[in-house]
C-alpha atoms as a PDB file:
ATOM      1  CA  MET A   1      -7.885-144.386 -45.011  1.00  0.00           C
ATOM      2  CA  LYS A   2      -4.201-144.880 -46.059  1.00  0.00           C
ATOM      3  CA  GLU A   3      -1.682-143.607 -44.487  1.00  0.00           C
ATOM      4  CA  SER A   4       0.448-141.761 -46.723  1.00  0.00           C
ATOM      5  CA  LYS A   5       3.735-140.192 -46.702  1.00  0.00           C
ATOM      6  CA  TYR A   6       4.649-136.880 -47.517  1.00  0.00           C
ATOM      7  CA  ILE A   7       8.241-136.044 -49.038  1.00  0.00           C
ATOM      8  CA  THR A   8       9.840-132.043 -50.114  1.00  0.00           C
ATOM      9  CA  ILE A   9       9.895-131.533 -53.558  1.00  0.00           C
ATOM     10  CA  ALA A  10      13.620-131.743 -53.380  1.00  0.00           C
ATOM     11  CA  GLU A  11      13.757-135.071 -52.839  1.00  0.00           C
ATOM     12  CA  ALA A  12      10.926-135.694 -55.499  1.00  0.00           C
ATOM     13  CA  LEU A  13      13.105-134.674 -58.359  1.00  0.00           C
ATOM     14  CA  LYS A  14      15.901-136.788 -56.705  1.00  0.00           C
ATOM     15  CA  GLN A  15      13.418-139.918 -57.639  1.00  0.00           C
ATOM     16  CA  LYS A  16      12.522-141.740 -60.720  1.00  0.00           C
ATOM     17  CA  ASP A  17       8.977-142.442 -59.206  1.00  0.00           C
ATOM     18  CA  PRO A  18       6.748-140.006 -61.647  1.00  0.00           C
ATOM     19  CA  ILE A  19       4.103-140.534 -58.712  1.00  0.00           C
ATOM     20  CA  VAL A  20       4.730-138.958 -55.240  1.00  0.00           C
ATOM     21  CA  ASN A  21       2.886-137.210 -52.627  1.00  0.00           C
ATOM     22  CA  LEU A  22       3.766-133.550 -51.539  1.00  0.00           C
ATOM     23  CA  ARG A  23       2.573-130.759 -49.308  1.00  0.00           C
ATOM     24  CA  GLY A  24       3.209-126.948 -50.819  1.00  0.00           C
ATOM     25  CA  TRP A  25       1.202-124.067 -51.373  1.00  0.00           C
ATOM     26  CA  VAL A  26       0.252-123.538 -54.827  1.00  0.00           C
ATOM     27  CA  TYR A  27       2.223-120.996 -56.737  1.00  0.00           C
ATOM     28  CA  ARG A  28       0.131-121.465 -59.601  1.00  0.00           C
ATOM     29  CA  GLU A  29      -2.746-123.250 -61.949  1.00  0.00           C
ATOM     30  CA  ARG A  30      -3.960-123.194 -65.279  1.00  0.00           C
ATOM     31  CA  LYS A  31      -6.639-126.551 -66.243  1.00  0.00           C
ATOM     32  CA  SER A  32      -7.377-127.871 -69.702  1.00  0.00           C
ATOM     33  CA  ASN A  33     -10.081-129.829 -70.376  1.00  0.00           C
ATOM     34  CA  LYS A  34      -8.440-133.349 -69.249  1.00  0.00           C
ATOM     35  CA  PHE A  35      -5.544-131.420 -67.561  1.00  0.00           C
ATOM     36  CA  ILE A  36      -5.160-129.629 -64.227  1.00  0.00           C
ATOM     37  CA  PHE A  37      -1.291-128.142 -64.266  1.00  0.00           C
ATOM     38  CA  LEU A  38      -0.637-126.954 -60.750  1.00  0.00           C
ATOM     39  CA  VAL A  39       3.154-125.573 -59.606  1.00  0.00           C
ATOM     40  CA  LEU A  40       3.501-125.691 -55.844  1.00  0.00           C
ATOM     41  CA  ARG A  41       6.100-124.619 -54.177  1.00  0.00           C
ATOM     42  CA  ASP A  42       7.400-125.942 -50.687  1.00  0.00           C
ATOM     43  CA  GLU A  43      10.838-124.576 -48.502  1.00  0.00           C
ATOM     44  CA  SER A  44      12.963-126.644 -50.942  1.00  0.00           C
ATOM     45  CA  ASP A  45      12.238-125.976 -54.344  1.00  0.00           C
ATOM     46  CA  ILE A  46       9.296-125.505 -57.157  1.00  0.00           C
ATOM     47  CA  ILE A  47       7.416-128.324 -59.597  1.00  0.00           C
ATOM     48  CA  GLN A  48       5.298-128.696 -61.838  1.00  0.00           C
ATOM     49  CA  CYS A  49       2.175-131.488 -60.720  1.00  0.00           C
ATOM     50  CA  VAL A  50      -0.159-132.883 -64.134  1.00  0.00           C
ATOM     51  CA  ILE A  51      -3.103-134.103 -62.536  1.00  0.00           C
ATOM     52  CA  SER A  52      -5.480-136.275 -65.177  1.00  0.00           C
ATOM     53  CA  LYS A  53      -9.371-135.026 -63.667  1.00  0.00           C
ATOM     54  CA  ASP A  54     -10.096-138.398 -66.125  1.00  0.00           C
ATOM     55  CA  LYS A  55      -8.078-140.640 -63.959  1.00  0.00           C
ATOM     56  CA  ASN A  56      -9.007-139.369 -60.537  1.00  0.00           C
ATOM     57  CA  PRO A  57     -12.292-138.982 -58.997  1.00  0.00           C
ATOM     58  CA  GLU A  58     -10.929-138.196 -55.979  1.00  0.00           C
ATOM     59  CA  ILE A  59     -10.351-134.735 -57.366  1.00  0.00           C
ATOM     60  CA  PHE A  60     -13.431-133.952 -57.741  1.00  0.00           C
ATOM     61  CA  GLU A  61     -14.664-135.769 -54.284  1.00  0.00           C
ATOM     62  CA  ASN A  62     -12.399-133.265 -52.997  1.00  0.00           C
ATOM     63  CA  GLN A  63     -13.757-130.357 -54.375  1.00  0.00           C
ATOM     64  CA  ALA A  64     -16.390-130.787 -53.486  1.00  0.00           C
ATOM     65  CA  SER A  65     -15.926-131.129 -49.543  1.00  0.00           C
ATOM     66  CA  ASN A  66     -13.995-127.641 -50.528  1.00  0.00           C
ATOM     67  CA  PHE A  67     -16.889-125.732 -52.294  1.00  0.00           C
ATOM     68  CA  LEU A  68     -19.373-127.256 -49.403  1.00  0.00           C
ATOM     69  CA  SER A  69     -17.363-126.029 -46.822  1.00  0.00           C
ATOM     70  CA  LYS A  70     -17.050-122.319 -48.409  1.00  0.00           C
ATOM     71  CA  GLY A  71     -21.239-122.573 -49.098  1.00  0.00           C
ATOM     72  CA  PHE A  72     -21.332-122.639 -52.805  1.00  0.00           C
ATOM     73  CA  MET A  73     -23.493-125.867 -53.188  1.00  0.00           C
ATOM     74  CA  GLY A  74     -24.503-125.751 -56.950  1.00  0.00           C
ATOM     75  CA  GLU A  75     -20.220-126.571 -57.586  1.00  0.00           C
ATOM     76  CA  ALA A  76     -20.144-128.773 -54.919  1.00  0.00           C
ATOM     77  CA  ILE A  77     -23.516-131.224 -56.354  1.00  0.00           C
ATOM     78  CA  ILE A  78     -21.177-130.571 -60.072  1.00  0.00           C
ATOM     79  CA  SER A  79     -18.299-131.981 -58.531  1.00  0.00           C
ATOM     80  CA  TYR A  80     -20.395-135.139 -57.153  1.00  0.00           C
ATOM     81  CA  GLU A  81     -21.439-136.274 -60.013  1.00  0.00           C
ATOM     82  CA  LYS A  82     -18.278-135.683 -62.161  1.00  0.00           C
ATOM     83  CA  ALA A  83     -16.968-138.018 -59.360  1.00  0.00           C
ATOM     84  CA  ARG A  84     -19.504-140.565 -59.969  1.00  0.00           C
ATOM     85  CA  GLU A  85     -19.264-140.677 -63.444  1.00  0.00           C
ATOM     86  CA  LEU A  86     -15.677-140.930 -63.043  1.00  0.00           C
ATOM     87  CA  TYR A  87     -15.969-144.124 -60.149  1.00  0.00           C
ATOM     88  CA  GLU A  88     -19.070-145.413 -62.442  1.00  0.00           C
ATOM     89  CA  LYS A  89     -16.147-145.956 -65.584  1.00  0.00           C
ATOM     90  CA  GLU A  90     -14.122-147.553 -62.697  1.00  0.00           C
ATOM     91  CA  GLY A  91     -16.444-149.634 -61.854  1.00  0.00           C
ATOM     92  CA  ASN A  92     -16.412-148.697 -58.009  1.00  0.00           C
ATOM     93  CA  ILE A  93     -20.142-149.659 -57.457  1.00  0.00           C
ATOM     94  CA  LEU A  94     -19.393-148.487 -53.410  1.00  0.00           C
ATOM     95  CA  LYS A  95     -18.383-145.169 -53.956  1.00  0.00           C
ATOM     96  CA  VAL A  96     -21.075-144.744 -56.956  1.00  0.00           C
ATOM     97  CA  GLN A  97     -23.582-145.080 -54.141  1.00  0.00           C
ATOM     98  CA  GLU A  98     -21.834-142.886 -52.098  1.00  0.00           C
ATOM     99  CA  MET A  99     -21.595-140.301 -54.679  1.00  0.00           C
ATOM    100  CA  GLU A 100     -25.599-140.426 -55.111  1.00  0.00           C
ATOM    101  CA  GLU A 101     -26.160-140.054 -51.315  1.00  0.00           C
ATOM    102  CA  ARG A 102     -24.312-137.416 -51.376  1.00  0.00           C
ATOM    103  CA  ILE A 103     -26.106-135.677 -54.399  1.00  0.00           C
ATOM    104  CA  LEU A 104     -29.615-136.961 -52.753  1.00  0.00           C
ATOM    105  CA  GLU A 105     -28.437-134.936 -49.610  1.00  0.00           C
ATOM    106  CA  LEU A 106     -27.893-131.839 -51.537  1.00  0.00           C
ATOM    107  CA  THR A 107     -30.997-131.623 -53.987  1.00  0.00           C
ATOM    108  CA  THR A 108     -33.383-133.122 -51.622  1.00  0.00           C
ATOM    109  CA  PRO A 109     -34.971-130.228 -49.505  1.00  0.00           C
ATOM    110  CA  PRO A 110     -35.513-130.923 -46.092  1.00  0.00           C
ATOM    111  CA  GLU A 111     -38.152-132.879 -44.509  1.00  0.00           C
ATOM    112  CA  VAL A 112     -40.883-130.722 -42.613  1.00  0.00           C
ATOM    113  CA  PRO A 113     -42.622-132.670 -39.918  1.00  0.00           C
ATOM    114  CA  LYS A 114     -46.364-132.470 -40.377  1.00  0.00           C
ATOM    115  CA  LEU A 115     -48.571-132.704 -36.902  1.00  0.00           C
ATOM    116  CA  ILE A 116     -50.934-135.541 -37.945  1.00  0.00           C
ATOM    117  CA  ILE A 117     -54.420-135.203 -35.539  1.00  0.00           C
ATOM    118  CA  SER A 118     -57.003-136.506 -36.323  1.00  0.00           C
ATOM    119  CA  ASN A 119     -60.518-135.787 -36.940  1.00  0.00           C
ATOM    120  CA  SER A 120     -62.175-136.407 -33.725  1.00  0.00           C
ATOM    121  CA  SER A 121     -59.129-135.397 -32.085  1.00  0.00           C
ATOM    122  CA  MET A 122     -59.568-132.054 -33.778  1.00  0.00           C
ATOM    123  CA  ILE A 123     -63.029-131.639 -32.998  1.00  0.00           C
ATOM    124  CA  ILE A 124     -62.335-132.463 -28.701  1.00  0.00           C
ATOM    125  CA  LEU A 125     -59.971-129.497 -29.462  1.00  0.00           C
ATOM    126  CA  ILE A 126     -62.139-127.142 -30.323  1.00  0.00           C
ATOM    127  CA  LEU A 127     -64.621-127.940 -27.897  1.00  0.00           C
ATOM    128  CA  VAL A 128     -62.616-127.527 -25.402  1.00  0.00           C
ATOM    129  CA  LEU A 129     -61.247-124.061 -26.437  1.00  0.00           C
ATOM    130  CA  VAL A 130     -65.016-123.271 -27.171  1.00  0.00           C
ATOM    131  CA  ILE A 131     -65.700-124.518 -23.628  1.00  0.00           C
ATOM    132  CA  THR A 132     -63.056-122.569 -21.974  1.00  0.00           C
ATOM    133  CA  PHE A 133     -63.811-119.350 -23.585  1.00  0.00           C
ATOM    134  CA  ILE A 134     -67.388-119.795 -22.618  1.00  0.00           C
ATOM    135  CA  ILE A 135     -66.182-120.319 -18.498  1.00  0.00           C
ATOM    136  CA  TYR A 136     -64.034-117.343 -18.897  1.00  0.00           C
ATOM    137  CA  HIS A 137     -66.314-114.716 -20.151  1.00  0.00           C
ATOM    138  CA  GLN A 138     -69.330-115.980 -17.662  1.00  0.00           C
ATOM    139  CA  ILE A 139     -66.587-115.356 -14.883  1.00  0.00           C
ATOM    140  CA  GLU A 140     -66.001-112.125 -16.190  1.00  0.00           C
ATOM    141  CA  ARG A 141     -69.055-110.992 -16.304  1.00  0.00           C
ATOM    142  CA  LYS A 142     -69.712-112.133 -13.133  1.00  0.00           C
ATOM    143  CA  PHE A 143     -67.108-109.795 -11.729  1.00  0.00           C
ATOM    144  CA  LEU A 144     -67.591-107.543 -13.483  1.00  0.00           C
ATOM    145  CA  LYS A 145     -70.864-106.745 -11.872  1.00  0.00           C
END
C-alpha cells in the first residue's frame, strides 16, 4: 500500500488541488444515493468532504471491514458486494476475485470434520467393546462371589 502524506484542514483549504489526504473527526455525516458528505474537523479548522460512492469501491471495502470488526456480518457482506460491483465496473479483476473470496468466506458455513470409519473397522470396534464388557462382568462376578 502506498504511503499517504496527511495535511491539516487549514493547509487543504489553502491548496488549489481538490484531492487531499486528511485526518480528523467526523463532525457530521449525510448520505445520498451517489455521494457521502462528511464534515470533518481537526485542530486547525473544519471542512466538508464530498465522496462519490460510484467511483470509490475502497469506501465500501473499508466499510465492510469496519462492520466485521463490530460483528455486523450482513452489513459487511452487502458492502463487499457493492465493492465487488464497482471493481467490476473498473475492470479490476484481482479486486473482484478478492471481494468474491471474502463474500464466500462470510457466507459459507464452516466445514465440520467428519469421522471416517470403514464398516470393517466399525465391526472390530464393536466386537472389542462387547468382549471388554463381557470380561469386565465376568471378573466382577468372580470377585463378588
